[in-house]
Amino acid sequence: MFKYVMRRILQMIPVFLGVTLILFVLRIPGLLPGDPIQLIVGEKTLTPALRAQIEEKNHLNEPAYVQYGYYVSNLLQGDLGESYQKSRSVTSILADKFPNTIRLAVAAILVEIVVGLLAGIISAVKQYSFWDVLVTLSTSILVSVPVFWLGMLLQMLFGIKLKQWTGGALFLPITGMGTPPDIAHLILPAVTLASVSTAYVARIMRSQMLEALGQDYIRTAMAKGLTERAVVFKHALKNAMIPVVTFIGIDLGALMGGAILTESVFSWPGVGREIYLAVLQRDWPVVMGGVVIVVLIVMVVNLLVDISYALLDPRIRYGGAAE
């Protein structure tokens, strides 16, 4: 196991360097709109002397490979640069927003796990029943609906129409996260963020459970007189969980990195919305820093998901001849 983990960590290094190289190339003047020096000081106050001073300070007058060396060196020291618009370090900006994104991501994952797993299990156990048809139809609709449109629809229904129907007695907040943060502000963005992933979890769970329930060891367990509950939850579920865990793990990494559309629709002050605002303002250090954080989170979560396979299925071993 240790050798496997170390090998995976070493494999992350070229992936990380590849991402940083792509980000650095996109930062080269002319490839993307906006002059970074002009964004820093403003068009009216920019003079040739001031431009030369800023270029020297930020190594912009150096060859591209030298600039990339400084860029990677700063990244390894935790320095993501400084925001053009806020004159603050990108690290501090993302650190302020990251706890809000974690709060939203955890809530969405809980919805995804509870609703998705239960829907998939019920659909498989009650195959071709009303519940199976309902789950299949619901997941098909959720997969087809754009997240931002679903978010706006929930805002209109539960934040505006419900308030009108109940005379203001019952409604859900549609923007922000409250001061101090509360669960009411979290409900709509968490449901929206989890919607598509919940549909996929339910579908994967259904197909894996149907496959597991058709295995010989399940028929043997049922022949021994075990209850349906014991067969489903103690035997079939554990073997059906590996693809589901893979999907949820990858999805968790993406959510922890920031859900741009959902956070933007609900004005949720997280990493995703910060990246979105930075794109609009051409604040490339914030955009690049946010993407680097997302990539690191996804790689680490993927590694943890792979390690969890051995816990779910004892037949899986990493390292040595068994691998």
C-alpha atoms as a PDB file:
ATOM      1  CA  MET A   1       0.000   0.000   0.000  1.00  0.00           C
ATOM      2  CA  PHE A   2       2.787   2.452   0.920  1.00  0.00           C
ATOM      3  CA  LYS A   3       4.564   1.865  -2.400  1.00  0.00           C
ATOM      4  CA  TYR A   4       1.300   2.384  -4.278  1.00  0.00           C
ATOM      5  CA  VAL A   5       0.593   5.680  -2.482  1.00  0.00           C
ATOM      6  CA  MET A   6       4.113   6.961  -3.128  1.00  0.00           C
ATOM      7  CA  ARG A   7       3.855   5.993  -6.806  1.00  0.00           C
ATOM      8  CA  ARG A   8       0.548   7.831  -7.127  1.00  0.00           C
ATOM      9  CA  ILE A   9       1.999  10.923  -5.463  1.00  0.00           C
ATOM     10  CA  LEU A  10       4.908  10.879  -7.910  1.00  0.00           C
ATOM     11  CA  GLN A  11       2.419  10.593 -10.781  1.00  0.00           C
ATOM     12  CA  MET A  12       0.708  13.745  -9.538  1.00  0.00           C
ATOM     13  CA  ILE A  13       3.843  15.821 -10.086  1.00  0.00           C
ATOM     14  CA  PRO A  14       3.803  15.848 -13.938  1.00  0.00           C
ATOM     15  CA  VAL A  15       0.034  16.421 -13.893  1.00  0.00           C
ATOM     16  CA  PHE A  16       0.473  19.408 -11.601  1.00  0.00           C
ATOM     17  CA  LEU A  17       3.339  20.792 -13.696  1.00  0.00           C
ATOM     18  CA  GLY A  18       1.282  20.338 -16.862  1.00  0.00           C
ATOM     19  CA  VAL A  19      -1.598  22.332 -15.387  1.00  0.00           C
ATOM     20  CA  THR A  20       0.723  25.107 -14.206  1.00  0.00           C
ATOM     21  CA  LEU A  21       2.308  25.250 -17.670  1.00  0.00           C
ATOM     22  CA  ILE A  22      -1.081  25.641 -19.349  1.00  0.00           C
ATOM     23  CA  LEU A  23      -2.066  28.356 -16.874  1.00  0.00           C
ATOM     24  CA  PHE A  24       1.233  30.154 -17.400  1.00  0.00           C
ATOM     25  CA  VAL A  25       0.861  30.062 -21.185  1.00  0.00           C
ATOM     26  CA  LEU A  26      -2.638  31.546 -20.884  1.00  0.00           C
ATOM     27  CA  ARG A  27      -1.151  34.377 -18.844  1.00  0.00           C
ATOM     28  CA  ILE A  28       1.147  35.459 -21.697  1.00  0.00           C
ATOM     29  CA  PRO A  29       0.044  38.921 -22.961  1.00  0.00           C
ATOM     30  CA  GLY A  30      -2.002  38.734 -26.139  1.00  0.00           C
ATOM     31  CA  LEU A  31      -3.511  35.300 -25.610  1.00  0.00           C
ATOM     32  CA  LEU A  32      -6.262  36.580 -23.298  1.00  0.00           C
ATOM     33  CA  PRO A  33      -7.888  40.025 -23.301  1.00  0.00           C
ATOM     34  CA  GLY A  34      -6.690  42.678 -20.879  1.00  0.00           C
ATOM     35  CA  ASP A  35      -3.296  44.189 -20.130  1.00  0.00           C
ATOM     36  CA  PRO A  36      -2.263  42.944 -16.642  1.00  0.00           C
ATOM     37  CA  ILE A  37      -0.110  46.009 -15.927  1.00  0.00           C
ATOM     38  CA  GLN A  38      -2.908  48.332 -16.955  1.00  0.00           C
ATOM     39  CA  LEU A  39      -5.301  46.405 -14.709  1.00  0.00           C
ATOM     40  CA  ILE A  40      -2.915  46.857 -11.774  1.00  0.00           C
ATOM     41  CA  VAL A  41      -2.413  50.648 -11.951  1.00  0.00           C
ATOM     42  CA  GLY A  42      -5.224  51.860 -14.182  1.00  0.00           C
ATOM     43  CA  GLU A  43      -5.136  53.267 -17.698  1.00  0.00           C
ATOM     44  CA  LYS A  44      -4.872  56.946 -16.748  1.00  0.00           C
ATOM     45  CA  THR A  45      -1.982  56.609 -14.310  1.00  0.00           C
ATOM     46  CA  LEU A  46       0.119  54.196 -16.394  1.00  0.00           C
ATOM     47  CA  THR A  47       3.346  55.731 -17.714  1.00  0.00           C
ATOM     48  CA  PRO A  48       6.232  54.071 -19.601  1.00  0.00           C
ATOM     49  CA  ALA A  49       8.478  54.425 -16.534  1.00  0.00           C
ATOM     50  CA  LEU A  50       5.861  52.888 -14.237  1.00  0.00           C
ATOM     51  CA  ARG A  51       5.269  50.060 -16.730  1.00  0.00           C
ATOM     52  CA  ALA A  52       8.985  49.257 -16.809  1.00  0.00           C
ATOM     53  CA  GLN A  53       9.098  49.295 -12.993  1.00  0.00           C
ATOM     54  CA  ILE A  54       6.177  46.863 -12.680  1.00  0.00           C
ATOM     55  CA  GLU A  55       7.592  44.591 -15.379  1.00  0.00           C
ATOM     56  CA  GLU A  56      10.893  44.387 -13.531  1.00  0.00           C
ATOM     57  CA  LYS A  57       9.191  43.766 -10.174  1.00  0.00           C
ATOM     58  CA  ASN A  58       7.074  40.918 -11.597  1.00  0.00           C
ATOM     59  CA  HIS A  59       9.843  39.554 -13.871  1.00  0.00           C
ATOM     60  CA  LEU A  60       7.732  40.317 -16.946  1.00  0.00           C
ATOM     61  CA  ASN A  61      10.818  41.584 -18.754  1.00  0.00           C
ATOM     62  CA  GLU A  62      12.495  38.171 -18.419  1.00  0.00           C
ATOM     63  CA  PRO A  63      12.303  35.329 -20.986  1.00  0.00           C
ATOM     64  CA  ALA A  64       9.231  33.107 -20.766  1.00  0.00           C
ATOM     65  CA  TYR A  65      11.090  30.095 -19.301  1.00  0.00           C
ATOM     66  CA  VAL A  66      12.557  32.307 -16.539  1.00  0.00           C
ATOM     67  CA  GLN A  67       9.104  33.678 -15.723  1.00  0.00           C
ATOM     68  CA  TYR A  68       7.763  30.120 -15.532  1.00  0.00           C
ATOM     69  CA  GLY A  69      10.572  29.190 -13.142  1.00  0.00           C
ATOM     70  CA  TYR A  70       9.629  32.072 -10.830  1.00  0.00           C
ATOM     71  CA  TYR A  71       5.961  31.098 -11.132  1.00  0.00           C
ATOM     72  CA  VAL A  72       6.514  27.448 -10.116  1.00  0.00           C
ATOM     73  CA  SER A  73       8.950  28.468  -7.370  1.00  0.00           C
ATOM     74  CA  ASN A  74       6.351  30.809  -5.868  1.00  0.00           C
ATOM     75  CA  LEU A  75       3.666  28.112  -6.113  1.00  0.00           C
ATOM     76  CA  LEU A  76       5.813  25.647  -4.190  1.00  0.00           C
ATOM     77  CA  GLN A  77       6.147  28.252  -1.440  1.00  0.00           C
ATOM     78  CA  GLY A  78       2.367  28.745  -1.307  1.00  0.00           C
ATOM     79  CA  ASP A  79       2.507  32.097  -3.096  1.00  0.00           C
ATOM     80  CA  LEU A  80      -0.291  32.296  -5.672  1.00  0.00           C
ATOM     81  CA  GLY A  81       0.438  35.893  -6.576  1.00  0.00           C
ATOM     82  CA  GLU A  82      -1.417  39.114  -5.893  1.00  0.00           C
ATOM     83  CA  SER A  83      -4.860  40.128  -7.102  1.00  0.00           C
ATOM     84  CA  TYR A  84      -4.888  42.923  -9.686  1.00  0.00           C
ATOM     85  CA  GLN A  85      -8.172  44.329  -8.436  1.00  0.00           C
ATOM     86  CA  LYS A  86      -7.964  43.869  -4.669  1.00  0.00           C
ATOM     87  CA  SER A  87      -4.221  44.347  -4.122  1.00  0.00           C
ATOM     88  CA  ARG A  88      -4.271  41.342  -1.801  1.00  0.00           C
ATOM     89  CA  SER A  89      -2.528  38.016  -1.994  1.00  0.00           C
ATOM     90  CA  VAL A  90      -4.546  35.387  -3.842  1.00  0.00           C
ATOM     91  CA  THR A  91      -3.826  32.938  -1.024  1.00  0.00           C
ATOM     92  CA  SER A  92      -5.574  35.138   1.543  1.00  0.00           C
ATOM     93  CA  ILE A  93      -8.529  35.786  -0.786  1.00  0.00           C
ATOM     94  CA  LEU A  94      -9.125  32.089  -1.456  1.00  0.00           C
ATOM     95  CA  ALA A  95      -8.522  31.220   2.210  1.00  0.00           C
ATOM     96  CA  ASP A  96     -11.384  33.571   3.157  1.00  0.00           C
ATOM     97  CA  LYS A  97     -13.740  31.968   0.641  1.00  0.00           C
ATOM     98  CA  PHE A  98     -12.752  28.328   0.994  1.00  0.00           C
ATOM     99  CA  PRO A  99     -14.641  27.617   4.278  1.00  0.00           C
ATOM    100  CA  ASN A 100     -17.863  28.795   2.617  1.00  0.00           C
ATOM    101  CA  THR A 101     -17.297  26.458  -0.316  1.00  0.00           C
ATOM    102  CA  ILE A 102     -16.583  23.557   2.063  1.00  0.00           C
ATOM    103  CA  ARG A 103     -19.843  24.235   3.885  1.00  0.00           C
ATOM    104  CA  LEU A 104     -21.802  24.146   0.629  1.00  0.00           C
ATOM    105  CA  ALA A 105     -19.913  21.133  -0.764  1.00  0.00           C
ATOM    106  CA  VAL A 106     -20.445  19.034   2.377  1.00  0.00           C
ATOM    107  CA  ALA A 107     -24.168  19.834   2.400  1.00  0.00           C
ATOM    108  CA  ALA A 108     -24.460  18.904  -1.287  1.00  0.00           C
ATOM    109  CA  ILE A 109     -22.549  15.647  -0.795  1.00  0.00           C
ATOM    110  CA  LEU A 110     -24.844  14.677   2.107  1.00  0.00           C
ATOM    111  CA  VAL A 111     -27.887  15.237  -0.118  1.00  0.00           C
ATOM    112  CA  GLU A 112     -26.185  13.287  -2.896  1.00  0.00           C
ATOM    113  CA  ILE A 113     -25.331  10.330  -0.650  1.00  0.00           C
ATOM    114  CA  VAL A 114     -28.605  10.069   1.259  1.00  0.00           C
ATOM    115  CA  VAL A 115     -31.046  10.702  -1.599  1.00  0.00           C
ATOM    116  CA  GLY A 116     -28.984   9.133  -4.384  1.00  0.00           C
ATOM    117  CA  LEU A 117     -28.150   5.896  -2.562  1.00  0.00           C
ATOM    118  CA  LEU A 118     -31.646   5.387  -1.201  1.00  0.00           C
ATOM    119  CA  ALA A 119     -33.247   6.086  -4.579  1.00  0.00           C
ATOM    120  CA  GLY A 120     -30.881   3.697  -6.340  1.00  0.00           C
ATOM    121  CA  ILE A 121     -31.364   0.916  -3.793  1.00  0.00           C
ATOM    122  CA  ILE A 122     -35.158   1.223  -3.793  1.00  0.00           C
ATOM    123  CA  SER A 123     -35.221   1.327  -7.598  1.00  0.00           C
ATOM    124  CA  ALA A 124     -33.128  -1.861  -7.827  1.00  0.00           C
ATOM    125  CA  VAL A 125     -34.962  -3.811  -5.120  1.00  0.00           C
ATOM    126  CA  LYS A 126     -38.370  -2.756  -6.506  1.00  0.00           C
ATOM    127  CA  GLN A 127     -37.418  -3.224 -10.153  1.00  0.00           C
ATOM    128  CA  TYR A 128     -40.177  -2.344 -12.688  1.00  0.00           C
ATOM    129  CA  SER A 129     -42.405  -1.057  -9.892  1.00  0.00           C
ATOM    130  CA  PHE A 130     -43.882   2.445  -9.573  1.00  0.00           C
ATOM    131  CA  TRP A 131     -40.847   3.513  -7.502  1.00  0.00           C
ATOM    132  CA  ASP A 132     -38.432   2.257 -10.127  1.00  0.00           C
ATOM    133  CA  VAL A 133     -40.234   4.198 -12.850  1.00  0.00           C
ATOM    134  CA  LEU A 134     -40.352   7.300 -10.651  1.00  0.00           C
ATOM    135  CA  VAL A 135     -36.613   7.185  -9.941  1.00  0.00           C
ATOM    136  CA  THR A 136     -35.763   6.549 -13.593  1.00  0.00           C
ATOM    137  CA  LEU A 137     -37.966   9.412 -14.790  1.00  0.00           C
ATOM    138  CA  SER A 138     -36.741  11.837 -12.108  1.00  0.00           C
ATOM    139  CA  THR A 139     -33.071  11.142 -12.744  1.00  0.00           C
ATOM    140  CA  SER A 140     -33.568  11.531 -16.508  1.00  0.00           C
ATOM    141  CA  ILE A 141     -35.095  14.965 -15.963  1.00  0.00           C
ATOM    142  CA  LEU A 142     -32.403  16.094 -13.514  1.00  0.00           C
ATOM    143  CA  VAL A 143     -29.573  15.026 -15.833  1.00  0.00           C
ATOM    144  CA  SER A 144     -31.155  17.003 -18.675  1.00  0.00           C
ATOM    145  CA  VAL A 145     -31.774  20.247 -16.765  1.00  0.00           C
ATOM    146  CA  PRO A 146     -28.982  22.869 -16.696  1.00  0.00           C
ATOM    147  CA  VAL A 147     -27.851  23.581 -13.140  1.00  0.00           C
ATOM    148  CA  PHE A 148     -28.140  27.361 -13.413  1.00  0.00           C
ATOM    149  CA  TRP A 149     -31.697  27.088 -14.772  1.00  0.00           C
ATOM    150  CA  LEU A 150     -32.707  24.704 -11.991  1.00  0.00           C
ATOM    151  CA  GLY A 151     -31.225  27.105  -9.437  1.00  0.00           C
ATOM    152  CA  MET A 152     -33.227  30.045 -10.798  1.00  0.00           C
ATOM    153  CA  LEU A 153     -36.368  27.885 -10.928  1.00  0.00           C
ATOM    154  CA  LEU A 154     -35.954  26.922  -7.252  1.00  0.00           C
ATOM    155  CA  GLN A 155     -35.340  30.577  -6.367  1.00  0.00           C
ATOM    156  CA  MET A 156     -38.564  31.608  -8.056  1.00  0.00           C
ATOM    157  CA  LEU A 157     -40.614  28.749  -6.585  1.00  0.00           C
ATOM    158  CA  PHE A 158     -39.384  28.598  -2.979  1.00  0.00           C
ATOM    159  CA  GLY A 159     -38.107  32.143  -2.549  1.00  0.00           C
ATOM    160  CA  ILE A 160     -40.775  34.163  -4.339  1.00  0.00           C
ATOM    161  CA  LYS A 161     -43.915  32.145  -5.134  1.00  0.00           C
ATOM    162  CA  LEU A 162     -43.964  30.295  -1.804  1.00  0.00           C
ATOM    163  CA  LYS A 163     -43.615  33.606   0.000  1.00  0.00           C
ATOM    164  CA  GLN A 164     -46.567  35.000  -1.935  1.00  0.00           C
ATOM    165  CA  TRP A 165     -48.726  31.924  -1.373  1.00  0.00           C
ATOM    166  CA  THR A 166     -48.117  31.886   2.393  1.00  0.00           C
ATOM    167  CA  GLY A 167     -48.204  35.638   2.886  1.00  0.00           C
ATOM    168  CA  GLY A 168     -44.530  35.730   3.845  1.00  0.00           C
ATOM    169  CA  ALA A 169     -44.929  33.072   6.548  1.00  0.00           C
ATOM    170  CA  LEU A 170     -42.915  30.441   4.703  1.00  0.00           C
ATOM    171  CA  PHE A 171     -40.102  30.850   2.184  1.00  0.00           C
ATOM    172  CA  LEU A 172     -36.425  30.069   1.648  1.00  0.00           C
ATOM    173  CA  PRO A 173     -33.652  32.666   1.188  1.00  0.00           C
ATOM    174  CA  ILE A 174     -32.403  32.858  -2.394  1.00  0.00           C
ATOM    175  CA  THR A 175     -29.083  34.722  -2.060  1.00  0.00           C
ATOM    176  CA  GLY A 176     -26.106  34.823   0.277  1.00  0.00           C
ATOM    177  CA  MET A 177     -25.506  32.572   3.243  1.00  0.00           C
ATOM    178  CA  GLY A 178     -26.936  34.665   6.078  1.00  0.00           C
ATOM    179  CA  THR A 179     -25.337  36.667   8.880  1.00  0.00           C
ATOM    180  CA  PRO A 180     -24.396  34.589  10.755  1.00  0.00           C
ATOM    181  CA  PRO A 181     -24.561  31.656   8.303  1.00  0.00           C
ATOM    182  CA  ASP A 182     -27.695  29.540   8.759  1.00  0.00           C
ATOM    183  CA  ILE A 183     -29.179  26.352   7.344  1.00  0.00           C
ATOM    184  CA  ALA A 184     -32.058  28.141   5.616  1.00  0.00           C
ATOM    185  CA  HIS A 185     -29.685  29.926   3.225  1.00  0.00           C
ATOM    186  CA  LEU A 186     -27.902  26.621   2.570  1.00  0.00           C
ATOM    187  CA  ILE A 187     -30.899  24.537   1.468  1.00  0.00           C
ATOM    188  CA  LEU A 188     -31.526  25.819  -2.072  1.00  0.00           C
ATOM    189  CA  PRO A 189     -27.888  26.077  -3.230  1.00  0.00           C
ATOM    190  CA  ALA A 190     -27.073  22.656  -1.723  1.00  0.00           C
ATOM    191  CA  VAL A 191     -30.034  20.990  -3.443  1.00  0.00           C
ATOM    192  CA  THR A 192     -29.189  22.708  -6.712  1.00  0.00           C
ATOM    193  CA  LEU A 193     -25.538  21.757  -6.511  1.00  0.00           C
ATOM    194  CA  ALA A 194     -26.382  18.139  -5.666  1.00  0.00           C
ATOM    195  CA  SER A 195     -29.168  17.687  -8.225  1.00  0.00           C
ATOM    196  CA  VAL A 196     -27.284  16.312 -11.242  1.00  0.00           C
ATOM    197  CA  SER A 197     -24.828  14.298  -9.139  1.00  0.00           C
ATOM    198  CA  THR A 198     -27.689  12.784  -7.132  1.00  0.00           C
ATOM    199  CA  ALA A 199     -29.282  11.584 -10.355  1.00  0.00           C
ATOM    200  CA  TYR A 200     -26.024   9.940 -11.461  1.00  0.00           C
ATOM    201  CA  VAL A 201     -25.496   8.324  -8.042  1.00  0.00           C
ATOM    202  CA  ALA A 202     -29.018   6.880  -8.153  1.00  0.00           C
ATOM    203  CA  ARG A 203     -28.464   5.483 -11.641  1.00  0.00           C
ATOM    204  CA  ILE A 204     -25.066   3.985 -10.813  1.00  0.00           C
ATOM    205  CA  MET A 205     -26.396   2.541  -7.554  1.00  0.00           C
ATOM    206  CA  ARG A 206     -29.367   0.978  -9.342  1.00  0.00           C
ATOM    207  CA  SER A 207     -27.272  -0.704 -12.042  1.00  0.00           C
ATOM    208  CA  GLN A 208     -24.649  -1.964  -9.579  1.00  0.00           C
ATOM    209  CA  MET A 209     -27.261  -3.278  -7.161  1.00  0.00           C
ATOM    210  CA  LEU A 210     -29.081  -5.115  -9.942  1.00  0.00           C
ATOM    211  CA  GLU A 211     -25.793  -6.719 -10.970  1.00  0.00           C
ATOM    212  CA  ALA A 212     -24.935  -7.640  -7.379  1.00  0.00           C
ATOM    213  CA  LEU A 213     -28.396  -9.051  -6.676  1.00  0.00           C
ATOM    214  CA  GLY A 214     -28.011 -11.395  -9.647  1.00  0.00           C
ATOM    215  CA  GLN A 215     -24.809 -12.995  -8.340  1.00  0.00           C
ATOM    216  CA  ASP A 216     -24.637 -16.576  -7.061  1.00  0.00           C
ATOM    217  CA  TYR A 217     -23.597 -15.611  -3.533  1.00  0.00           C
ATOM    218  CA  ILE A 218     -26.775 -13.536  -3.193  1.00  0.00           C
ATOM    219  CA  ARG A 219     -28.937 -16.484  -4.196  1.00  0.00           C
ATOM    220  CA  THR A 220     -27.010 -18.637  -1.720  1.00  0.00           C
ATOM    221  CA  ALA A 221     -27.590 -16.097   1.057  1.00  0.00           C
ATOM    222  CA  MET A 222     -31.312 -15.996   0.279  1.00  0.00           C
ATOM    223  CA  ALA A 223     -31.450 -19.802   0.208  1.00  0.00           C
ATOM    224  CA  LYS A 224     -30.019 -19.851   3.733  1.00  0.00           C
ATOM    225  CA  GLY A 225     -33.084 -17.968   4.902  1.00  0.00           C
ATOM    226  CA  LEU A 226     -31.566 -14.519   5.393  1.00  0.00           C
ATOM    227  CA  THR A 227     -33.995 -11.624   5.348  1.00  0.00           C
ATOM    228  CA  GLU A 228     -34.192  -9.349   2.323  1.00  0.00           C
ATOM    229  CA  ARG A 229     -32.811  -6.468   4.416  1.00  0.00           C
ATOM    230  CA  ALA A 230     -29.766  -8.523   5.433  1.00  0.00           C
ATOM    231  CA  VAL A 231     -29.102  -9.667   1.879  1.00  0.00           C
ATOM    232  CA  VAL A 232     -29.389  -6.155   0.425  1.00  0.00           C
ATOM    233  CA  PHE A 233     -27.480  -4.163   3.038  1.00  0.00           C
ATOM    234  CA  LYS A 234     -24.935  -6.706   4.325  1.00  0.00           C
ATOM    235  CA  HIS A 235     -24.037  -8.533   1.112  1.00  0.00           C
ATOM    236  CA  ALA A 236     -25.102  -6.745  -2.070  1.00  0.00           C
ATOM    237  CA  LEU A 237     -24.592  -3.127  -1.006  1.00  0.00           C
ATOM    238  CA  LYS A 238     -20.930  -3.389  -0.069  1.00  0.00           C
ATOM    239  CA  ASN A 239     -19.941  -4.929  -3.394  1.00  0.00           C
ATOM    240  CA  ALA A 240     -22.043  -2.418  -5.321  1.00  0.00           C
ATOM    241  CA  MET A 241     -20.487   0.605  -3.616  1.00  0.00           C
ATOM    242  CA  ILE A 242     -17.105   0.794  -5.388  1.00  0.00           C
ATOM    243  CA  PRO A 243     -18.279   2.603  -8.577  1.00  0.00           C
ATOM    244  CA  VAL A 244     -20.497   4.842  -6.446  1.00  0.00           C
ATOM    245  CA  VAL A 245     -17.625   5.748  -4.133  1.00  0.00           C
ATOM    246  CA  THR A 246     -15.506   6.562  -7.188  1.00  0.00           C
ATOM    247  CA  PHE A 247     -18.108   8.958  -8.525  1.00  0.00           C
ATOM    248  CA  ILE A 248     -18.836  10.581  -5.161  1.00  0.00           C
ATOM    249  CA  GLY A 249     -15.124  11.001  -4.444  1.00  0.00           C
ATOM    250  CA  ILE A 250     -14.422  12.685  -7.766  1.00  0.00           C
ATOM    251  CA  ASP A 251     -17.516  14.821  -7.357  1.00  0.00           C
ATOM    252  CA  LEU A 252     -16.471  15.838  -3.840  1.00  0.00           C
ATOM    253  CA  GLY A 253     -13.118  17.009  -5.175  1.00  0.00           C
ATOM    254  CA  ALA A 254     -14.823  19.137  -7.814  1.00  0.00           C
ATOM    255  CA  LEU A 255     -17.305  20.579  -5.309  1.00  0.00           C
ATOM    256  CA  MET A 256     -14.581  21.408  -2.787  1.00  0.00           C
ATOM    257  CA  GLY A 257     -12.789  23.312  -5.514  1.00  0.00           C
ATOM    258  CA  GLY A 258     -15.785  25.514  -6.046  1.00  0.00           C
ATOM    259  CA  ALA A 259     -19.074  25.180  -7.938  1.00  0.00           C
ATOM    260  CA  ILE A 260     -18.963  28.257 -10.154  1.00  0.00           C
ATOM    261  CA  LEU A 261     -22.498  28.202 -11.577  1.00  0.00           C
ATOM    262  CA  THR A 262     -24.322  27.414  -8.338  1.00  0.00           C
ATOM    263  CA  GLU A 263     -22.336  29.889  -6.250  1.00  0.00           C
ATOM    264  CA  SER A 264     -22.875  32.588  -8.879  1.00  0.00           C
ATOM    265  CA  VAL A 265     -26.637  32.031  -9.152  1.00  0.00           C
ATOM    266  CA  PHE A 266     -27.125  32.128  -5.368  1.00  0.00           C
ATOM    267  CA  SER A 267     -24.437  34.782  -4.704  1.00  0.00           C
ATOM    268  CA  TRP A 268     -22.760  32.295  -2.394  1.00  0.00           C
ATOM    269  CA  PRO A 269     -19.427  33.817  -1.283  1.00  0.00           C
ATOM    270  CA  GLY A 270     -17.242  30.831  -2.110  1.00  0.00           C
ATOM    271  CA  VAL A 271     -14.237  30.002  -4.271  1.00  0.00           C
ATOM    272  CA  GLY A 272     -16.362  29.322  -7.364  1.00  0.00           C
ATOM    273  CA  ARG A 273     -18.041  32.727  -7.291  1.00  0.00           C
ATOM    274  CA  GLU A 274     -14.679  34.394  -6.618  1.00  0.00           C
ATOM    275  CA  ILE A 275     -13.240  32.739  -9.739  1.00  0.00           C
ATOM    276  CA  TYR A 276     -16.293  33.829 -11.741  1.00  0.00           C
ATOM    277  CA  LEU A 277     -15.934  37.452 -10.617  1.00  0.00           C
ATOM    278  CA  ALA A 278     -12.198  37.323 -11.318  1.00  0.00           C
ATOM    279  CA  VAL A 279     -12.879  36.179 -14.892  1.00  0.00           C
ATOM    280  CA  LEU A 280     -15.249  39.112 -15.428  1.00  0.00           C
ATOM    281  CA  GLN A 281     -12.643  41.515 -14.028  1.00  0.00           C
ATOM    282  CA  ARG A 282      -9.725  39.904 -15.914  1.00  0.00           C
ATOM    283  CA  ASP A 283      -8.075  39.271 -12.552  1.00  0.00           C
ATOM    284  CA  TRP A 284      -5.953  36.384 -13.842  1.00  0.00           C
ATOM    285  CA  PRO A 285      -3.900  35.692 -10.668  1.00  0.00           C
ATOM    286  CA  VAL A 286      -7.131  34.864  -8.805  1.00  0.00           C
ATOM    287  CA  VAL A 287      -8.381  32.706 -11.689  1.00  0.00           C
ATOM    288  CA  MET A 288      -5.083  30.832 -11.948  1.00  0.00           C
ATOM    289  CA  GLY A 289      -4.751  30.408  -8.196  1.00  0.00           C
ATOM    290  CA  GLY A 290      -8.285  29.072  -7.945  1.00  0.00           C
ATOM    291  CA  VAL A 291      -7.711  26.554 -10.735  1.00  0.00           C
ATOM    292  CA  VAL A 292      -4.477  25.341  -9.116  1.00  0.00           C
ATOM    293  CA  ILE A 293      -6.320  24.769  -5.826  1.00  0.00           C
ATOM    294  CA  VAL A 294      -9.108  22.883  -7.617  1.00  0.00           C
ATOM    295  CA  VAL A 295      -6.608  20.605  -9.381  1.00  0.00           C
ATOM    296  CA  LEU A 296      -4.751  19.818  -6.153  1.00  0.00           C
ATOM    297  CA  ILE A 297      -7.972  19.003  -4.316  1.00  0.00           C
ATOM    298  CA  VAL A 298      -9.216  16.722  -7.107  1.00  0.00           C
ATOM    299  CA  MET A 299      -5.907  14.827  -7.250  1.00  0.00           C
ATOM    300  CA  VAL A 300      -5.778  14.297  -3.479  1.00  0.00           C
ATOM    301  CA  VAL A 301      -9.418  13.186  -3.282  1.00  0.00           C
ATOM    302  CA  ASN A 302      -8.900  10.759  -6.169  1.00  0.00           C
ATOM    303  CA  LEU A 303      -5.981   9.207  -4.292  1.00  0.00           C
ATOM    304  CA  LEU A 304      -8.086   8.818  -1.140  1.00  0.00           C
ATOM    305  CA  VAL A 305     -10.873   7.220  -3.183  1.00  0.00           C
ATOM    306  CA  ASP A 306      -8.448   4.666  -4.655  1.00  0.00           C
ATOM    307  CA  ILE A 307      -7.175   3.808  -1.185  1.00  0.00           C
ATOM    308  CA  SER A 308     -10.743   3.322   0.054  1.00  0.00           C
ATOM    309  CA  TYR A 309     -11.294   0.512  -2.491  1.00  0.00           C
ATOM    310  CA  ALA A 310      -9.250  -1.870  -0.350  1.00  0.00           C
ATOM    311  CA  LEU A 311     -11.514  -1.126   2.611  1.00  0.00           C
ATOM    312  CA  LEU A 312     -14.678  -1.802   0.630  1.00  0.00           C
ATOM    313  CA  ASP A 313     -13.436  -4.941  -1.112  1.00  0.00           C
ATOM    314  CA  PRO A 314     -10.811  -7.109   0.692  1.00  0.00           C
ATOM    315  CA  ARG A 315      -9.977  -8.766  -2.634  1.00  0.00           C
ATOM    316  CA  ILE A 316      -8.333  -5.529  -3.820  1.00  0.00           C
ATOM    317  CA  ARG A 317      -4.698  -5.180  -2.817  1.00  0.00           C
ATOM    318  CA  TYR A 318      -2.191  -2.546  -3.854  1.00  0.00           C
ATOM    319  CA  GLY A 319       1.434  -3.370  -4.387  1.00  0.00           C
ATOM    320  CA  GLY A 320       3.221  -6.653  -5.007  1.00  0.00           C
ATOM    321  CA  ALA A 321       2.036  -9.464  -7.204  1.00  0.00           C
ATOM    322  CA  ALA A 322      -1.587  -9.142  -6.132  1.00  0.00           C
ATOM    323  CA  GLU A 323      -1.871  -5.766  -7.793  1.00  0.00           C
END
